[in-house]
């Protein structure tokens, strides 16, 4: 009988951390290329280990999520409309986009048109999927072989 006590007997925290960092670094690159670098707020969490589970989070900011998935339409007739009005100052101040590119916009209120999806995390996962699967498979296979050899020596 092979005595595997938990998931970390098959795959290391280092490998899962490597995989998360690989995806996060790539996501940061995709975000920069789409003009949303720091807004994306891509961070890698700390690996969490239990007997039957090994996990790690790749976190993105709320604004990053709006770009990853799209923010929906900011229209008073739309069911998810969010009115954007200055609260702590007399005006909103922001850089213009599209036809107002390069202009500084100063206004007390805005009807935001929403943000179309500009995924950066999903393409990062796809870019490294096969490499990560291969490394995890190799590590699991190697560790199982070590357990089998150890069992054979006991016989």
Protein backbone atom coordinates (compact mmCIF):
# COMPACT_ATOMS: atom_id res chain seq x y z
CA UNK A 1 0.00 0.00 0.00
CA UNK A 2 1.30 3.46 -0.92
CA UNK A 3 1.13 5.82 2.06
CA UNK A 4 0.38 9.21 0.55
CA UNK A 5 -0.71 11.41 3.43
CA UNK A 6 -1.88 14.47 1.54
CA UNK A 7 -1.78 16.47 -1.64
CA UNK A 8 1.60 18.00 -0.74
CA UNK A 9 3.09 14.52 -0.94
CA UNK A 10 2.33 14.68 -4.67
CA UNK A 11 2.75 18.35 -5.58
CA UNK A 12 4.82 20.97 -3.76
CA UNK A 13 3.85 24.42 -2.55
CA UNK A 14 6.76 25.69 -4.64
CA UNK A 15 5.22 24.30 -7.83
CA UNK A 16 1.76 25.73 -7.21
CA UNK A 17 3.35 29.08 -6.30
CA UNK A 18 5.48 28.94 -9.47
CA UNK A 19 2.33 28.32 -11.55
CA UNK A 20 0.40 31.20 -9.94
CA UNK A 21 3.35 33.59 -10.37
CA UNK A 22 3.74 32.51 -14.01
CA UNK A 23 0.09 33.37 -14.71
CA UNK A 24 0.14 36.59 -12.65
CA UNK A 25 3.29 37.92 -14.35
CA UNK A 26 1.85 37.15 -17.76
CA UNK A 27 -1.48 38.79 -16.79
CA UNK A 28 0.40 41.95 -15.77
CA UNK A 29 2.04 41.97 -19.20
CA UNK A 30 -1.29 41.55 -20.99
CA UNK A 31 -2.82 44.31 -18.82
CA UNK A 32 0.06 46.70 -19.70
CA UNK A 33 -0.35 45.93 -23.39
CA UNK A 34 -4.05 46.84 -23.12
CA UNK A 35 -3.35 50.12 -21.30
CA UNK A 36 -4.72 49.01 -17.92
CA UNK A 37 -1.48 47.98 -16.17
CA UNK A 38 -1.75 49.13 -12.54
CA UNK A 39 -5.53 49.37 -12.66
CA UNK A 40 -5.65 45.58 -13.05
CA UNK A 41 -4.07 45.14 -9.60
CA UNK A 42 -2.82 41.60 -10.23
CA UNK A 43 -1.46 39.97 -7.05
CA UNK A 44 -0.52 36.43 -6.14
CA UNK A 45 -1.72 35.18 -2.76
CA UNK A 46 -0.01 32.76 -0.39
CA UNK A 47 -0.44 29.04 -0.94
CA UNK A 48 -2.84 27.39 1.51
CA UNK A 49 -2.28 23.78 2.44
CA UNK A 50 -4.61 21.26 4.02
CA UNK A 51 -4.49 17.47 3.92
CA UNK A 52 -6.64 17.18 0.80
CA UNK A 53 -6.22 20.57 -0.83
CA UNK A 54 -3.48 22.88 -2.05
CA UNK A 55 -4.64 26.25 -3.33
CA UNK A 56 -3.41 29.70 -4.21
CA UNK A 57 -5.29 32.77 -5.37
CA UNK A 58 -4.49 35.18 -8.14
CA UNK A 59 -6.31 38.36 -7.21
CA UNK A 60 -7.29 41.31 -9.38
CA UNK A 61 -8.68 44.66 -8.30
CA UNK A 62 -12.34 45.59 -8.66
CA UNK A 63 -11.38 47.88 -11.55
CA UNK A 64 -9.34 45.03 -13.02
CA UNK A 65 -12.43 42.83 -12.91
CA UNK A 66 -14.38 45.51 -14.81
CA UNK A 67 -11.79 45.31 -17.59
CA UNK A 68 -11.44 41.50 -17.48
CA UNK A 69 -15.19 40.86 -17.75
CA UNK A 70 -16.60 44.23 -18.87
CA UNK A 71 -18.51 46.58 -16.60
CA UNK A 72 -21.87 46.56 -18.26
CA UNK A 73 -23.68 49.63 -19.53
CA UNK A 74 -23.98 52.72 -17.34
CA UNK A 75 -27.28 53.94 -18.67
CA UNK A 76 -30.27 55.11 -16.56
CA UNK A 77 -32.52 52.76 -18.54
CA UNK A 78 -30.21 49.80 -17.96
CA UNK A 79 -31.10 47.65 -14.87
CA UNK A 80 -27.53 47.86 -13.54
CA UNK A 81 -27.11 51.61 -14.00
CA UNK A 82 -24.77 53.32 -11.56
CA UNK A 83 -24.99 57.10 -11.45
CA UNK A 84 -21.52 58.63 -11.19
CA UNK A 85 -21.61 61.97 -9.36
CA UNK A 86 -18.88 63.86 -7.49
CA UNK A 87 -19.28 63.33 -3.73
CA UNK A 88 -16.15 64.59 -1.94
CA UNK A 89 -15.34 67.42 -4.35
CA UNK A 90 -17.36 69.74 -6.59
CA UNK A 91 -16.26 67.89 -9.75
CA UNK A 92 -15.03 64.61 -11.11
CA UNK A 93 -11.65 64.99 -12.83
CA UNK A 94 -10.32 62.31 -15.19
CA UNK A 95 -8.45 61.75 -18.44
CA UNK A 96 -10.62 61.56 -21.51
CA UNK A 97 -10.74 58.55 -23.79
CA UNK A 98 -11.84 57.87 -27.36
CA UNK A 99 -12.75 61.19 -29.04
CA UNK A 100 -11.69 63.08 -25.86
CA UNK A 101 -8.28 61.34 -25.70
CA UNK A 102 -5.61 63.65 -24.25
CA UNK A 103 -8.13 66.00 -22.62
CA UNK A 104 -8.73 66.41 -18.91
CA UNK A 105 -12.44 66.18 -18.19
CA UNK A 106 -13.88 68.24 -15.30
CA UNK A 107 -17.58 67.70 -14.59
CA UNK A 108 -19.89 67.25 -11.58
CA UNK A 109 -21.68 64.27 -13.16
CA UNK A 110 -21.06 61.68 -15.87
CA UNK A 111 -23.07 59.03 -17.67
CA UNK A 112 -20.37 56.44 -18.09
CA UNK A 113 -20.81 54.30 -21.20
CA UNK A 114 -19.38 51.20 -19.51
CA UNK A 115 -16.24 49.27 -20.26
CA UNK A 116 -16.04 46.56 -22.89
CA UNK A 117 -14.17 43.43 -21.78
CA UNK A 118 -10.38 43.59 -22.24
CA UNK A 119 -9.33 40.25 -20.76
CA UNK A 120 -5.81 39.96 -19.39
CA UNK A 121 -6.10 37.11 -16.87
CA UNK A 122 -7.81 34.56 -19.10
CA UNK A 123 -5.25 34.87 -21.92
CA UNK A 124 -2.46 34.55 -19.34
CA UNK A 125 -3.98 31.29 -18.05
CA UNK A 126 -4.36 29.98 -21.59
CA UNK A 127 -0.80 30.93 -22.54
CA UNK A 128 0.69 28.82 -19.74
CA UNK A 129 -1.94 26.07 -19.34
CA UNK A 130 0.01 23.30 -21.09
CA UNK A 131 3.36 24.20 -19.48
CA UNK A 132 1.77 24.18 -16.00
CA UNK A 133 -0.08 20.91 -16.66
CA UNK A 134 3.15 19.34 -17.87
CA UNK A 135 5.15 20.44 -14.81
CA UNK A 136 2.47 19.30 -12.36
CA UNK A 137 2.09 15.95 -14.16
CA UNK A 138 5.85 15.40 -14.08
CA UNK A 139 6.05 16.23 -10.38
CA UNK A 140 3.10 14.02 -9.44
CA UNK A 141 4.48 11.16 -11.55
CA UNK A 142 7.94 11.52 -10.04
CA UNK A 143 6.58 11.54 -6.50
CA UNK A 144 4.38 8.50 -7.11
CA UNK A 145 7.42 6.63 -8.51
CA UNK A 146 9.34 7.52 -5.33
CA UNK A 147 6.53 6.10 -3.17
CA UNK A 148 6.34 2.94 -5.28
CA UNK A 149 10.13 2.42 -4.99
CA UNK A 150 9.96 2.94 -1.23
CA UNK A 151 7.16 0.36 -1.00
CA UNK A 152 9.14 -2.11 -3.12
CA UNK A 153 12.12 -1.82 -0.74
CA UNK A 154 9.88 -2.70 2.22
CA UNK A 155 8.72 -5.92 0.59
